[in-house]
Amino acid sequence: MTGLFLTFEGGDGSGKSTQSALLTEWLTDRGETVVHAREPGGTELGLELREIILHRRGYMAPRAEALLYAADRAHNVATVVRPGLDRGDVVIQDRYLDSSVAYQGAGRVLSTTEVRELSLWATEGLLPHLTVLLDLDPALGRERLDASRTRYDRLEAEAAIFHERVRDAYLALAEAEPGRFLVLDATEPVGALQERIRSRVSALLDTLTP
């Protein structure tokens, strides 16, 4: 694997898409080839799974939800992420296994260890070089969503306590792996956040340059 694998994590409304787009523009200007990936829905199969996971009406057992995410992740890594990394590209992904640990593990009150191990099995142990965690109070995240949309998916529509468990889990993950995570206060100005992200990514790119 010669490329760079970057993931963006955080609660709903934390600004992952904005920061990802700005980073892509900067990397492209540097001459890097950037591959965008997301979960769920980064492949044709993933789009079908995304519709089931996020928009299916009615009850879905928490373990079934976790398994569907793992299936999407396995296919996405095998067909998009690893090929890009093998080519030497920069792969930027919106959500990865940490999302499952936070949402399906802590949010659904499943074992976070088991959920993580499931994802590691699905991806053959692939971890990002860097995970950018945009930390935001769930109440503020909901205000941002309310200002931009009128319809929510199954996870966005969960109660506040669910999203509080998700946030706590994210912060615990970052504390356990400080070398992989860059934790940022998502209320800071967009430009200031981007500068910190670019600084960290630039240092990683320097380590990969022969």
N, C-alpha and C. Protein backbone atom coordinates (compact mmCIF):
# COMPACT_ATOMS: atom_id res chain seq x y z
N MET A 1 0.85 -1.19 0.00
CA MET A 1 0.00 0.00 0.00
C MET A 1 0.88 1.24 0.00
N THR A 2 0.78 2.04 -1.05
CA THR A 2 1.65 3.22 -1.18
C THR A 2 0.89 4.54 -1.07
N GLY A 3 -0.42 4.49 -1.01
CA GLY A 3 -1.21 5.72 -0.94
C GLY A 3 -1.45 6.17 0.49
N LEU A 4 -2.34 7.14 0.63
CA LEU A 4 -2.66 7.72 1.93
C LEU A 4 -4.17 7.60 2.14
N PHE A 5 -4.55 7.05 3.28
CA PHE A 5 -5.96 6.81 3.60
C PHE A 5 -6.38 7.76 4.71
N LEU A 6 -7.30 8.67 4.38
CA LEU A 6 -7.79 9.68 5.32
C LEU A 6 -9.29 9.51 5.51
N THR A 7 -9.75 9.54 6.74
CA THR A 7 -11.19 9.44 6.99
C THR A 7 -11.66 10.63 7.82
N PHE A 8 -12.91 11.01 7.57
CA PHE A 8 -13.55 12.09 8.32
C PHE A 8 -14.69 11.49 9.14
N GLU A 9 -14.70 11.82 10.42
CA GLU A 9 -15.72 11.32 11.33
C GLU A 9 -16.32 12.49 12.11
N GLY A 10 -17.47 12.23 12.69
CA GLY A 10 -18.13 13.24 13.52
C GLY A 10 -19.63 13.06 13.47
N GLY A 11 -20.29 13.73 14.37
CA GLY A 11 -21.75 13.67 14.39
C GLY A 11 -22.37 14.38 13.21
N ASP A 12 -23.67 14.23 13.08
CA ASP A 12 -24.40 14.86 11.98
C ASP A 12 -24.31 16.38 12.10
N GLY A 13 -24.01 17.03 10.96
CA GLY A 13 -23.93 18.48 10.95
C GLY A 13 -22.59 19.04 11.38
N SER A 14 -21.58 18.18 11.51
CA SER A 14 -20.28 18.65 12.02
C SER A 14 -19.40 19.29 10.95
N GLY A 15 -19.76 19.17 9.67
CA GLY A 15 -18.99 19.83 8.62
C GLY A 15 -18.01 18.94 7.88
N LYS A 16 -18.21 17.65 7.92
CA LYS A 16 -17.29 16.72 7.27
C LYS A 16 -17.20 16.96 5.77
N SER A 17 -18.33 17.16 5.11
CA SER A 17 -18.34 17.35 3.65
C SER A 17 -17.59 18.61 3.25
N THR A 18 -17.77 19.68 4.00
CA THR A 18 -17.10 20.94 3.70
C THR A 18 -15.59 20.80 3.81
N GLN A 19 -15.13 20.21 4.89
CA GLN A 19 -13.69 20.06 5.09
C GLN A 19 -13.09 19.08 4.10
N SER A 20 -13.82 18.05 3.76
CA SER A 20 -13.34 17.08 2.77
C SER A 20 -13.17 17.74 1.41
N ALA A 21 -14.12 18.58 1.02
CA ALA A 21 -14.05 19.25 -0.28
C ALA A 21 -12.87 20.22 -0.34
N LEU A 22 -12.65 20.96 0.74
CA LEU A 22 -11.54 21.91 0.78
C LEU A 22 -10.19 21.18 0.74
N LEU A 23 -10.12 20.06 1.44
CA LEU A 23 -8.87 19.29 1.44
C LEU A 23 -8.60 18.70 0.06
N THR A 24 -9.64 18.26 -0.60
CA THR A 24 -9.49 17.71 -1.95
C THR A 24 -8.94 18.76 -2.90
N GLU A 25 -9.48 19.96 -2.82
CA GLU A 25 -9.01 21.05 -3.69
C GLU A 25 -7.52 21.33 -3.46
N TRP A 26 -7.13 21.36 -2.21
CA TRP A 26 -5.72 21.63 -1.86
C TRP A 26 -4.80 20.52 -2.33
N LEU A 27 -5.22 19.27 -2.12
CA LEU A 27 -4.41 18.13 -2.55
C LEU A 27 -4.27 18.08 -4.07
N THR A 28 -5.36 18.35 -4.76
CA THR A 28 -5.33 18.35 -6.22
C THR A 28 -4.37 19.41 -6.74
N ASP A 29 -4.38 20.58 -6.12
CA ASP A 29 -3.46 21.65 -6.52
C ASP A 29 -2.01 21.24 -6.29
N ARG A 30 -1.79 20.34 -5.33
CA ARG A 30 -0.43 19.85 -5.07
C ARG A 30 -0.01 18.76 -6.05
N GLY A 31 -0.94 18.32 -6.89
CA GLY A 31 -0.64 17.28 -7.86
C GLY A 31 -1.00 15.88 -7.42
N GLU A 32 -1.72 15.75 -6.31
CA GLU A 32 -2.13 14.43 -5.84
C GLU A 32 -3.39 13.97 -6.56
N THR A 33 -3.49 12.67 -6.76
CA THR A 33 -4.72 12.07 -7.27
C THR A 33 -5.58 11.66 -6.08
N VAL A 34 -6.79 12.19 -6.03
CA VAL A 34 -7.67 11.97 -4.88
C VAL A 34 -8.85 11.09 -5.28
N VAL A 35 -9.11 10.08 -4.47
CA VAL A 35 -10.26 9.21 -4.65
C VAL A 35 -11.22 9.48 -3.50
N HIS A 36 -12.48 9.73 -3.84
CA HIS A 36 -13.49 9.97 -2.79
C HIS A 36 -14.27 8.68 -2.54
N ALA A 37 -14.47 8.39 -1.29
CA ALA A 37 -15.25 7.22 -0.90
C ALA A 37 -16.16 7.62 0.25
N ARG A 38 -17.21 6.85 0.45
CA ARG A 38 -18.10 7.13 1.57
C ARG A 38 -18.78 5.85 2.01
N GLU A 39 -19.27 5.87 3.23
CA GLU A 39 -20.04 4.75 3.76
C GLU A 39 -21.24 5.29 4.53
N PRO A 40 -22.39 4.66 4.29
CA PRO A 40 -22.64 3.67 3.24
C PRO A 40 -22.92 4.36 1.91
N GLY A 41 -22.78 3.61 0.81
CA GLY A 41 -23.19 4.12 -0.49
C GLY A 41 -22.08 4.51 -1.43
N GLY A 42 -20.86 4.06 -1.21
CA GLY A 42 -19.75 4.43 -2.08
C GLY A 42 -19.58 3.57 -3.31
N THR A 43 -20.41 2.56 -3.46
CA THR A 43 -20.37 1.66 -4.61
C THR A 43 -21.80 1.39 -5.06
N GLU A 44 -21.96 0.69 -6.18
CA GLU A 44 -23.32 0.35 -6.63
C GLU A 44 -24.02 -0.53 -5.60
N LEU A 45 -23.31 -1.51 -5.10
CA LEU A 45 -23.89 -2.34 -4.04
C LEU A 45 -24.16 -1.49 -2.80
N GLY A 46 -23.22 -0.59 -2.50
CA GLY A 46 -23.37 0.26 -1.33
C GLY A 46 -24.60 1.15 -1.40
N LEU A 47 -24.96 1.61 -2.61
CA LEU A 47 -26.15 2.44 -2.76
C LEU A 47 -27.41 1.66 -2.39
N GLU A 48 -27.44 0.39 -2.76
CA GLU A 48 -28.59 -0.44 -2.40
C GLU A 48 -28.64 -0.65 -0.89
N LEU A 49 -27.48 -0.92 -0.29
CA LEU A 49 -27.43 -1.11 1.15
C LEU A 49 -27.76 0.18 1.89
N ARG A 50 -27.30 1.32 1.35
CA ARG A 50 -27.59 2.61 1.98
C ARG A 50 -29.09 2.86 2.06
N GLU A 51 -29.79 2.53 1.00
CA GLU A 51 -31.24 2.73 0.98
C GLU A 51 -31.91 1.89 2.06
N ILE A 52 -31.42 0.66 2.23
CA ILE A 52 -31.98 -0.22 3.26
C ILE A 52 -31.65 0.31 4.65
N ILE A 53 -30.38 0.64 4.86
CA ILE A 53 -29.91 1.03 6.19
C ILE A 53 -30.54 2.34 6.66
N LEU A 54 -30.55 3.34 5.79
CA LEU A 54 -30.94 4.68 6.22
C LEU A 54 -32.39 5.05 5.96
N HIS A 55 -33.03 4.35 5.02
CA HIS A 55 -34.37 4.81 4.64
C HIS A 55 -35.45 3.73 4.73
N ARG A 56 -35.09 2.52 5.14
CA ARG A 56 -36.10 1.49 5.29
C ARG A 56 -37.03 1.85 6.45
N ARG A 57 -38.32 1.72 6.21
CA ARG A 57 -39.28 2.02 7.27
C ARG A 57 -39.46 0.80 8.16
N GLY A 58 -39.73 1.07 9.40
CA GLY A 58 -39.95 -0.03 10.33
C GLY A 58 -38.69 -0.37 11.12
N TYR A 59 -38.85 -1.30 12.03
CA TYR A 59 -37.80 -1.68 12.96
C TYR A 59 -36.71 -2.48 12.26
N MET A 60 -35.46 -2.23 12.64
CA MET A 60 -34.33 -3.03 12.19
C MET A 60 -33.52 -3.41 13.42
N ALA A 61 -33.27 -4.70 13.61
CA ALA A 61 -32.52 -5.14 14.77
C ALA A 61 -31.12 -4.53 14.75
N PRO A 62 -30.63 -4.05 15.88
CA PRO A 62 -29.32 -3.42 15.91
C PRO A 62 -28.20 -4.27 15.32
N ARG A 63 -28.20 -5.57 15.58
CA ARG A 63 -27.15 -6.42 15.03
C ARG A 63 -27.28 -6.54 13.51
N ALA A 64 -28.51 -6.55 13.01
CA ALA A 64 -28.70 -6.59 11.57
C ALA A 64 -28.15 -5.31 10.94
N GLU A 65 -28.40 -4.17 11.58
CA GLU A 65 -27.88 -2.90 11.09
C GLU A 65 -26.35 -2.91 11.06
N ALA A 66 -25.75 -3.41 12.12
CA ALA A 66 -24.28 -3.46 12.18
C ALA A 66 -23.71 -4.36 11.09
N LEU A 67 -24.37 -5.46 10.82
CA LEU A 67 -23.91 -6.39 9.78
C LEU A 67 -24.04 -5.78 8.39
N LEU A 68 -25.10 -5.02 8.15
CA LEU A 68 -25.27 -4.36 6.86
C LEU A 68 -24.17 -3.32 6.63
N TYR A 69 -23.84 -2.57 7.66
CA TYR A 69 -22.74 -1.61 7.54
C TYR A 69 -21.43 -2.34 7.25
N ALA A 70 -21.21 -3.45 7.92
CA ALA A 70 -19.97 -4.21 7.70
C ALA A 70 -19.91 -4.76 6.27
N ALA A 71 -21.05 -5.19 5.74
CA ALA A 71 -21.08 -5.68 4.37
C ALA A 71 -20.73 -4.58 3.38
N ASP A 72 -21.32 -3.40 3.59
CA ASP A 72 -20.99 -2.25 2.74
C ASP A 72 -19.52 -1.93 2.84
N ARG A 73 -18.98 -1.95 4.04
CA ARG A 73 -17.56 -1.60 4.27
C ARG A 73 -16.63 -2.60 3.59
N ALA A 74 -16.95 -3.87 3.69
CA ALA A 74 -16.11 -4.89 3.07
C ALA A 74 -16.02 -4.69 1.56
N HIS A 75 -17.15 -4.43 0.93
CA HIS A 75 -17.17 -4.26 -0.53
C HIS A 75 -16.49 -2.95 -0.93
N ASN A 76 -16.72 -1.90 -0.17
CA ASN A 76 -16.12 -0.60 -0.47
C ASN A 76 -14.59 -0.67 -0.39
N VAL A 77 -14.07 -1.30 0.65
CA VAL A 77 -12.62 -1.41 0.79
C VAL A 77 -12.03 -2.27 -0.32
N ALA A 78 -12.69 -3.37 -0.65
CA ALA A 78 -12.15 -4.28 -1.66
C ALA A 78 -12.17 -3.67 -3.06
N THR A 79 -13.16 -2.84 -3.36
CA THR A 79 -13.33 -2.37 -4.74
C THR A 79 -12.95 -0.92 -4.97
N VAL A 80 -12.86 -0.12 -3.91
CA VAL A 80 -12.55 1.31 -4.06
C VAL A 80 -11.30 1.71 -3.29
N VAL A 81 -11.29 1.43 -2.00
CA VAL A 81 -10.23 1.96 -1.14
C VAL A 81 -8.89 1.30 -1.41
N ARG A 82 -8.82 -0.02 -1.31
CA ARG A 82 -7.52 -0.69 -1.50
C ARG A 82 -6.96 -0.48 -2.91
N PRO A 83 -7.77 -0.58 -3.96
CA PRO A 83 -7.20 -0.30 -5.29
C PRO A 83 -6.62 1.11 -5.39
N GLY A 84 -7.29 2.09 -4.80
CA GLY A 84 -6.77 3.45 -4.82
C GLY A 84 -5.46 3.56 -4.07
N LEU A 85 -5.39 2.96 -2.91
CA LEU A 85 -4.16 3.00 -2.12
C LEU A 85 -3.02 2.28 -2.83
N ASP A 86 -3.33 1.18 -3.47
CA ASP A 86 -2.30 0.43 -4.20
C ASP A 86 -1.74 1.22 -5.37
N ARG A 87 -2.56 2.12 -5.93
CA ARG A 87 -2.09 2.97 -7.03
C ARG A 87 -1.26 4.15 -6.51
N GLY A 88 -1.28 4.38 -5.21
CA GLY A 88 -0.58 5.51 -4.65
C GLY A 88 -1.43 6.76 -4.52
N ASP A 89 -2.76 6.60 -4.64
CA ASP A 89 -3.66 7.75 -4.55
C ASP A 89 -3.91 8.14 -3.09
N VAL A 90 -4.47 9.33 -2.92
CA VAL A 90 -4.97 9.73 -1.61
C VAL A 90 -6.46 9.40 -1.58
N VAL A 91 -6.86 8.55 -0.67
CA VAL A 91 -8.26 8.16 -0.53
C VAL A 91 -8.85 8.92 0.66
N ILE A 92 -9.86 9.73 0.37
CA ILE A 92 -10.56 10.48 1.42
C ILE A 92 -11.95 9.88 1.57
N GLN A 93 -12.25 9.44 2.76
CA GLN A 93 -13.53 8.75 2.97
C GLN A 93 -14.36 9.42 4.05
N ASP A 94 -15.64 9.59 3.74
CA ASP A 94 -16.63 10.09 4.69
C ASP A 94 -17.18 8.91 5.48
N ARG A 95 -16.72 8.78 6.72
CA ARG A 95 -17.09 7.73 7.67
C ARG A 95 -16.39 6.40 7.33
N TYR A 96 -16.02 5.71 8.43
CA TYR A 96 -15.39 4.41 8.28
C TYR A 96 -15.73 3.60 9.53
N LEU A 97 -14.85 2.72 9.94
CA LEU A 97 -15.22 1.80 11.02
C LEU A 97 -15.51 2.49 12.35
N ASP A 98 -14.88 3.66 12.58
CA ASP A 98 -15.16 4.37 13.83
C ASP A 98 -16.62 4.79 13.92
N SER A 99 -17.25 5.06 12.77
CA SER A 99 -18.68 5.38 12.77
C SER A 99 -19.50 4.21 13.29
N SER A 100 -19.14 3.01 12.89
CA SER A 100 -19.88 1.84 13.36
C SER A 100 -19.71 1.63 14.85
N VAL A 101 -18.48 1.82 15.33
CA VAL A 101 -18.25 1.68 16.77
C VAL A 101 -19.09 2.69 17.54
N ALA A 102 -19.14 3.93 17.02
CA ALA A 102 -19.89 4.98 17.70
C ALA A 102 -21.40 4.83 17.56
N TYR A 103 -21.87 4.61 16.32
CA TYR A 103 -23.31 4.59 16.08
C TYR A 103 -23.94 3.23 16.39
N GLN A 104 -23.39 2.16 15.80
CA GLN A 104 -23.98 0.85 16.04
C GLN A 104 -23.54 0.26 17.38
N GLY A 105 -22.32 0.58 17.81
CA GLY A 105 -21.86 0.09 19.09
C GLY A 105 -22.46 0.87 20.24
N ALA A 106 -21.97 2.10 20.44
CA ALA A 106 -22.45 2.91 21.57
C ALA A 106 -23.89 3.37 21.38
N GLY A 107 -24.22 3.85 20.17
CA GLY A 107 -25.56 4.36 19.93
C GLY A 107 -26.63 3.32 20.13
N ARG A 108 -26.41 2.13 19.58
CA ARG A 108 -27.38 1.04 19.69
C ARG A 108 -27.17 0.19 20.94
N VAL A 109 -26.18 0.54 21.74
CA VAL A 109 -25.86 -0.16 22.98
C VAL A 109 -25.50 -1.63 22.69
N LEU A 110 -24.66 -1.82 21.69
CA LEU A 110 -24.04 -3.11 21.43
C LEU A 110 -22.61 -3.05 21.97
N SER A 111 -21.92 -4.17 21.93
CA SER A 111 -20.52 -4.19 22.35
C SER A 111 -19.66 -3.44 21.34
N THR A 112 -19.02 -2.36 21.78
CA THR A 112 -18.17 -1.61 20.85
C THR A 112 -16.99 -2.46 20.40
N THR A 113 -16.51 -3.32 21.26
CA THR A 113 -15.39 -4.20 20.90
C THR A 113 -15.80 -5.16 19.79
N GLU A 114 -16.97 -5.76 19.91
CA GLU A 114 -17.43 -6.71 18.90
C GLU A 114 -17.70 -6.00 17.57
N VAL A 115 -18.27 -4.80 17.62
CA VAL A 115 -18.54 -4.06 16.39
C VAL A 115 -17.23 -3.70 15.70
N ARG A 116 -16.24 -3.28 16.45
CA ARG A 116 -14.94 -2.95 15.87
C ARG A 116 -14.28 -4.19 15.25
N GLU A 117 -14.34 -5.30 15.96
CA GLU A 117 -13.73 -6.53 15.45
C GLU A 117 -14.42 -7.00 14.17
N LEU A 118 -15.73 -6.81 14.09
CA LEU A 118 -16.48 -7.15 12.88
C LEU A 118 -15.97 -6.33 11.69
N SER A 119 -15.78 -5.04 11.90
CA SER A 119 -15.29 -4.18 10.82
C SER A 119 -13.86 -4.51 10.43
N LEU A 120 -13.03 -4.82 11.41
CA LEU A 120 -11.65 -5.18 11.10
C LEU A 120 -11.60 -6.48 10.29
N TRP A 121 -12.48 -7.41 10.61
CA TRP A 121 -12.55 -8.64 9.81
C TRP A 121 -13.01 -8.32 8.39
N ALA A 122 -14.03 -7.47 8.27
CA ALA A 122 -14.58 -7.13 6.95
C ALA A 122 -13.56 -6.43 6.07
N THR A 123 -12.65 -5.69 6.66
CA THR A 123 -11.69 -4.88 5.89
C THR A 123 -10.28 -5.46 5.89
N GLU A 124 -10.15 -6.67 6.45
CA GLU A 124 -8.83 -7.31 6.57
C GLU A 124 -7.85 -6.42 7.35
N GLY A 125 -8.39 -5.76 8.37
CA GLY A 125 -7.55 -5.01 9.29
C GLY A 125 -7.11 -3.64 8.83
N LEU A 126 -7.70 -3.11 7.76
CA LEU A 126 -7.27 -1.82 7.24
C LEU A 126 -7.69 -0.67 8.15
N LEU A 127 -6.71 0.14 8.56
CA LEU A 127 -6.99 1.34 9.35
C LEU A 127 -6.47 2.57 8.60
N PRO A 128 -7.10 3.71 8.79
CA PRO A 128 -6.64 4.94 8.13
C PRO A 128 -5.30 5.41 8.68
N HIS A 129 -4.56 6.14 7.84
CA HIS A 129 -3.36 6.82 8.33
C HIS A 129 -3.76 7.95 9.28
N LEU A 130 -4.88 8.60 8.98
CA LEU A 130 -5.36 9.72 9.79
C LEU A 130 -6.88 9.74 9.79
N THR A 131 -7.44 9.94 10.97
CA THR A 131 -8.89 10.13 11.11
C THR A 131 -9.14 11.51 11.71
N VAL A 132 -9.81 12.36 10.95
CA VAL A 132 -10.17 13.69 11.42
C VAL A 132 -11.53 13.61 12.08
N LEU A 133 -11.56 13.91 13.37
CA LEU A 133 -12.81 13.89 14.12
C LEU A 133 -13.26 15.32 14.38
N LEU A 134 -14.36 15.70 13.75
CA LEU A 134 -14.94 17.02 13.95
C LEU A 134 -15.96 16.92 15.08
N ASP A 135 -15.56 17.36 16.25
CA ASP A 135 -16.37 17.20 17.45
C ASP A 135 -17.37 18.35 17.58
N LEU A 136 -18.62 17.98 17.83
CA LEU A 136 -19.69 18.99 17.91
C LEU A 136 -20.76 18.52 18.88
N ASP A 137 -21.26 19.45 19.68
CA ASP A 137 -22.40 19.16 20.55
C ASP A 137 -23.57 18.71 19.68
N PRO A 138 -24.18 17.56 19.98
CA PRO A 138 -25.28 17.07 19.15
C PRO A 138 -26.44 18.06 18.99
N ALA A 139 -26.69 18.86 20.02
CA ALA A 139 -27.77 19.85 19.93
C ALA A 139 -27.46 20.89 18.85
N LEU A 140 -26.21 21.32 18.77
CA LEU A 140 -25.82 22.27 17.74
C LEU A 140 -25.85 21.61 16.36
N GLY A 141 -25.46 20.34 16.31
CA GLY A 141 -25.53 19.61 15.05
C GLY A 141 -26.94 19.53 14.53
N ARG A 142 -27.91 19.32 15.44
CA ARG A 142 -29.31 19.27 15.03
C ARG A 142 -29.78 20.62 14.52
N GLU A 143 -29.33 21.70 15.15
CA GLU A 143 -29.69 23.04 14.66
C GLU A 143 -29.18 23.25 13.24
N ARG A 144 -27.97 22.79 12.97
CA ARG A 144 -27.41 22.93 11.62
C ARG A 144 -28.21 22.12 10.61
N LEU A 145 -28.61 20.90 11.01
CA LEU A 145 -29.41 20.08 10.10
C LEU A 145 -30.77 20.71 9.85
N ASP A 146 -31.38 21.23 10.91
CA ASP A 146 -32.71 21.85 10.77
C ASP A 146 -32.69 23.02 9.79
N ALA A 147 -31.53 23.70 9.73
CA ALA A 147 -31.42 24.87 8.85
C ALA A 147 -31.21 24.49 7.39
N SER A 148 -30.89 23.22 7.15
CA SER A 148 -30.53 22.83 5.78
C SER A 148 -31.42 21.76 5.17
N ARG A 149 -32.30 21.16 5.97
CA ARG A 149 -33.15 20.10 5.42
C ARG A 149 -34.44 19.96 6.21
N THR A 150 -35.36 19.21 5.63
CA THR A 150 -36.64 18.98 6.29
C THR A 150 -36.90 17.50 6.52
N ARG A 151 -36.01 16.64 6.00
CA ARG A 151 -36.19 15.21 6.12
C ARG A 151 -34.93 14.58 6.68
N TYR A 152 -35.08 13.61 7.60
CA TYR A 152 -33.94 12.99 8.25
C TYR A 152 -33.95 11.49 7.98
N ASP A 153 -32.72 10.92 7.92
CA ASP A 153 -32.65 9.47 7.77
C ASP A 153 -32.85 8.80 9.13
N ARG A 154 -32.79 7.48 9.16
CA ARG A 154 -33.11 6.73 10.39
C ARG A 154 -32.20 7.12 11.55
N LEU A 155 -30.91 7.31 11.27
CA LEU A 155 -29.97 7.61 12.35
C LEU A 155 -30.06 9.08 12.77
N GLU A 156 -30.20 9.98 11.82
CA GLU A 156 -30.34 11.40 12.15
C GLU A 156 -31.57 11.64 13.03
N ALA A 157 -32.60 10.84 12.81
CA ALA A 157 -33.87 11.03 13.52
C ALA A 157 -33.88 10.45 14.94
N GLU A 158 -32.79 9.81 15.34
CA GLU A 158 -32.75 9.22 16.68
C GLU A 158 -32.78 10.32 17.75
N ALA A 159 -33.16 9.92 18.96
CA ALA A 159 -33.29 10.86 20.08
C ALA A 159 -31.93 11.43 20.48
N ALA A 160 -31.98 12.54 21.22
CA ALA A 160 -30.76 13.23 21.62
C ALA A 160 -29.81 12.33 22.40
N ILE A 161 -30.34 11.46 23.27
CA ILE A 161 -29.49 10.60 24.09
C ILE A 161 -28.66 9.66 23.21
N PHE A 162 -29.23 9.22 22.10
CA PHE A 162 -28.50 8.37 21.15
C PHE A 162 -27.28 9.12 20.64
N HIS A 163 -27.48 10.36 20.20
CA HIS A 163 -26.38 11.14 19.62
C HIS A 163 -25.36 11.55 20.68
N GLU A 164 -25.79 11.68 21.92
CA GLU A 164 -24.84 11.95 22.99
C GLU A 164 -23.94 10.74 23.23
N ARG A 165 -24.51 9.54 23.16
CA ARG A 165 -23.68 8.33 23.30
C ARG A 165 -22.70 8.23 22.15
N VAL A 166 -23.13 8.59 20.94
CA VAL A 166 -22.25 8.57 19.78
C VAL A 166 -21.07 9.51 19.99
N ARG A 167 -21.35 10.72 20.43
CA ARG A 167 -20.26 11.69 20.64
C ARG A 167 -19.27 11.19 21.69
N ASP A 168 -19.79 10.68 22.79
CA ASP A 168 -18.91 10.18 23.85
C ASP A 168 -18.03 9.04 23.33
N ALA A 169 -18.61 8.19 22.50
CA ALA A 169 -17.83 7.07 21.95
C ALA A 169 -16.73 7.55 21.03
N TYR A 170 -17.03 8.53 20.20
CA TYR A 170 -16.00 9.10 19.32
C TYR A 170 -14.83 9.65 20.14
N LEU A 171 -15.12 10.40 21.17
CA LEU A 171 -14.07 11.00 21.98
C LEU A 171 -13.25 9.92 22.68
N ALA A 172 -13.90 8.85 23.10
CA ALA A 172 -13.19 7.74 23.73
C ALA A 172 -12.26 7.05 22.73
N LEU A 173 -12.73 6.89 21.50
CA LEU A 173 -11.89 6.29 20.46
C LEU A 173 -10.66 7.14 20.20
N ALA A 174 -10.86 8.45 20.13
CA ALA A 174 -9.74 9.35 19.87
C ALA A 174 -8.74 9.33 21.02
N GLU A 175 -9.23 9.24 22.23
CA GLU A 175 -8.34 9.19 23.38
C GLU A 175 -7.52 7.90 23.38
N ALA A 176 -8.12 6.81 22.89
CA ALA A 176 -7.43 5.52 22.87
C ALA A 176 -6.38 5.42 21.76
N GLU A 177 -6.57 6.20 20.68
CA GLU A 177 -5.63 6.17 19.56
C GLU A 177 -5.23 7.59 19.16
N PRO A 178 -4.51 8.30 20.02
CA PRO A 178 -4.17 9.69 19.73
C PRO A 178 -3.27 9.86 18.51
N GLY A 179 -2.52 8.84 18.17
CA GLY A 179 -1.65 8.93 17.01
C GLY A 179 -2.39 8.92 15.69
N ARG A 180 -3.56 8.32 15.68
CA ARG A 180 -4.35 8.23 14.43
C ARG A 180 -5.36 9.36 14.31
N PHE A 181 -5.85 9.88 15.41
CA PHE A 181 -6.92 10.87 15.39
C PHE A 181 -6.39 12.30 15.45
N LEU A 182 -7.07 13.18 14.74
CA LEU A 182 -6.93 14.62 14.88
C LEU A 182 -8.29 15.14 15.30
N VAL A 183 -8.43 15.53 16.55
CA VAL A 183 -9.72 15.98 17.08
C VAL A 183 -9.80 17.50 16.98
N LEU A 184 -10.85 17.98 16.34
CA LEU A 184 -11.03 19.42 16.13
C LEU A 184 -12.40 19.87 16.64
N ASP A 185 -12.44 21.07 17.16
CA ASP A 185 -13.69 21.68 17.61
C ASP A 185 -14.42 22.20 16.38
N ALA A 186 -15.52 21.56 16.03
CA ALA A 186 -16.24 21.87 14.80
C ALA A 186 -16.92 23.24 14.82
N THR A 187 -16.88 23.93 15.96
CA THR A 187 -17.45 25.28 16.00
C THR A 187 -16.43 26.34 15.57
N GLU A 188 -15.16 25.95 15.40
CA GLU A 188 -14.15 26.90 14.96
C GLU A 188 -14.40 27.29 13.50
N PRO A 189 -13.85 28.43 13.05
CA PRO A 189 -14.04 28.85 11.66
C PRO A 189 -13.57 27.79 10.67
N VAL A 190 -14.26 27.70 9.54
CA VAL A 190 -13.96 26.69 8.53
C VAL A 190 -12.50 26.77 8.09
N GLY A 191 -12.02 27.97 7.84
CA GLY A 191 -10.65 28.14 7.38
C GLY A 191 -9.62 27.69 8.39
N ALA A 192 -9.86 27.99 9.66
CA ALA A 192 -8.93 27.58 10.70
C ALA A 192 -8.86 26.07 10.83
N LEU A 193 -10.01 25.41 10.73
CA LEU A 193 -10.05 23.95 10.78
C LEU A 193 -9.28 23.36 9.61
N GLN A 194 -9.48 23.93 8.44
CA GLN A 194 -8.82 23.41 7.25
C GLN A 194 -7.30 23.54 7.35
N GLU A 195 -6.83 24.64 7.90
CA GLU A 195 -5.39 24.83 8.04
C GLU A 195 -4.78 23.75 8.92
N ARG A 196 -5.45 23.40 9.99
CA ARG A 196 -4.94 22.36 10.89
C ARG A 196 -4.96 21.00 10.21
N ILE A 197 -5.99 20.75 9.42
CA ILE A 197 -6.06 19.48 8.70
C ILE A 197 -4.94 19.40 7.67
N ARG A 198 -4.73 20.46 6.91
CA ARG A 198 -3.69 20.48 5.89
C ARG A 198 -2.31 20.28 6.50
N SER A 199 -2.08 20.89 7.63
CA SER A 199 -0.79 20.75 8.29
C SER A 199 -0.50 19.30 8.63
N ARG A 200 -1.49 18.62 9.17
CA ARG A 200 -1.31 17.20 9.55
C ARG A 200 -1.15 16.33 8.31
N VAL A 201 -1.95 16.58 7.29
CA VAL A 201 -1.86 15.78 6.06
C VAL A 201 -0.54 16.02 5.35
N SER A 202 -0.08 17.25 5.33
CA SER A 202 1.20 17.56 4.70
C SER A 202 2.33 16.78 5.35
N ALA A 203 2.31 16.69 6.67
CA ALA A 203 3.34 15.93 7.38
C ALA A 203 3.28 14.45 7.02
N LEU A 204 2.08 13.92 6.87
CA LEU A 204 1.94 12.51 6.49
C LEU A 204 2.45 12.28 5.07
N LEU A 205 2.13 13.19 4.16
CA LEU A 205 2.60 13.05 2.79
C LEU A 205 4.13 13.07 2.73
N ASP A 206 4.75 13.86 3.56
CA ASP A 206 6.21 13.92 3.58
C ASP A 206 6.81 12.58 4.01
N THR A 207 6.13 11.89 4.90
CA THR A 207 6.66 10.59 5.36
C THR A 207 6.53 9.52 4.31
N LEU A 208 5.58 9.71 3.35
CA LEU A 208 5.37 8.71 2.31
C LEU A 208 6.21 8.98 1.06
N THR A 209 6.81 10.16 0.98
CA THR A 209 7.60 10.51 -0.18
C THR A 209 8.95 9.81 -0.11
N PRO A 210 9.33 9.05 -1.18
CA PRO A 210 10.61 8.34 -1.16
C PRO A 210 11.77 9.29 -0.97
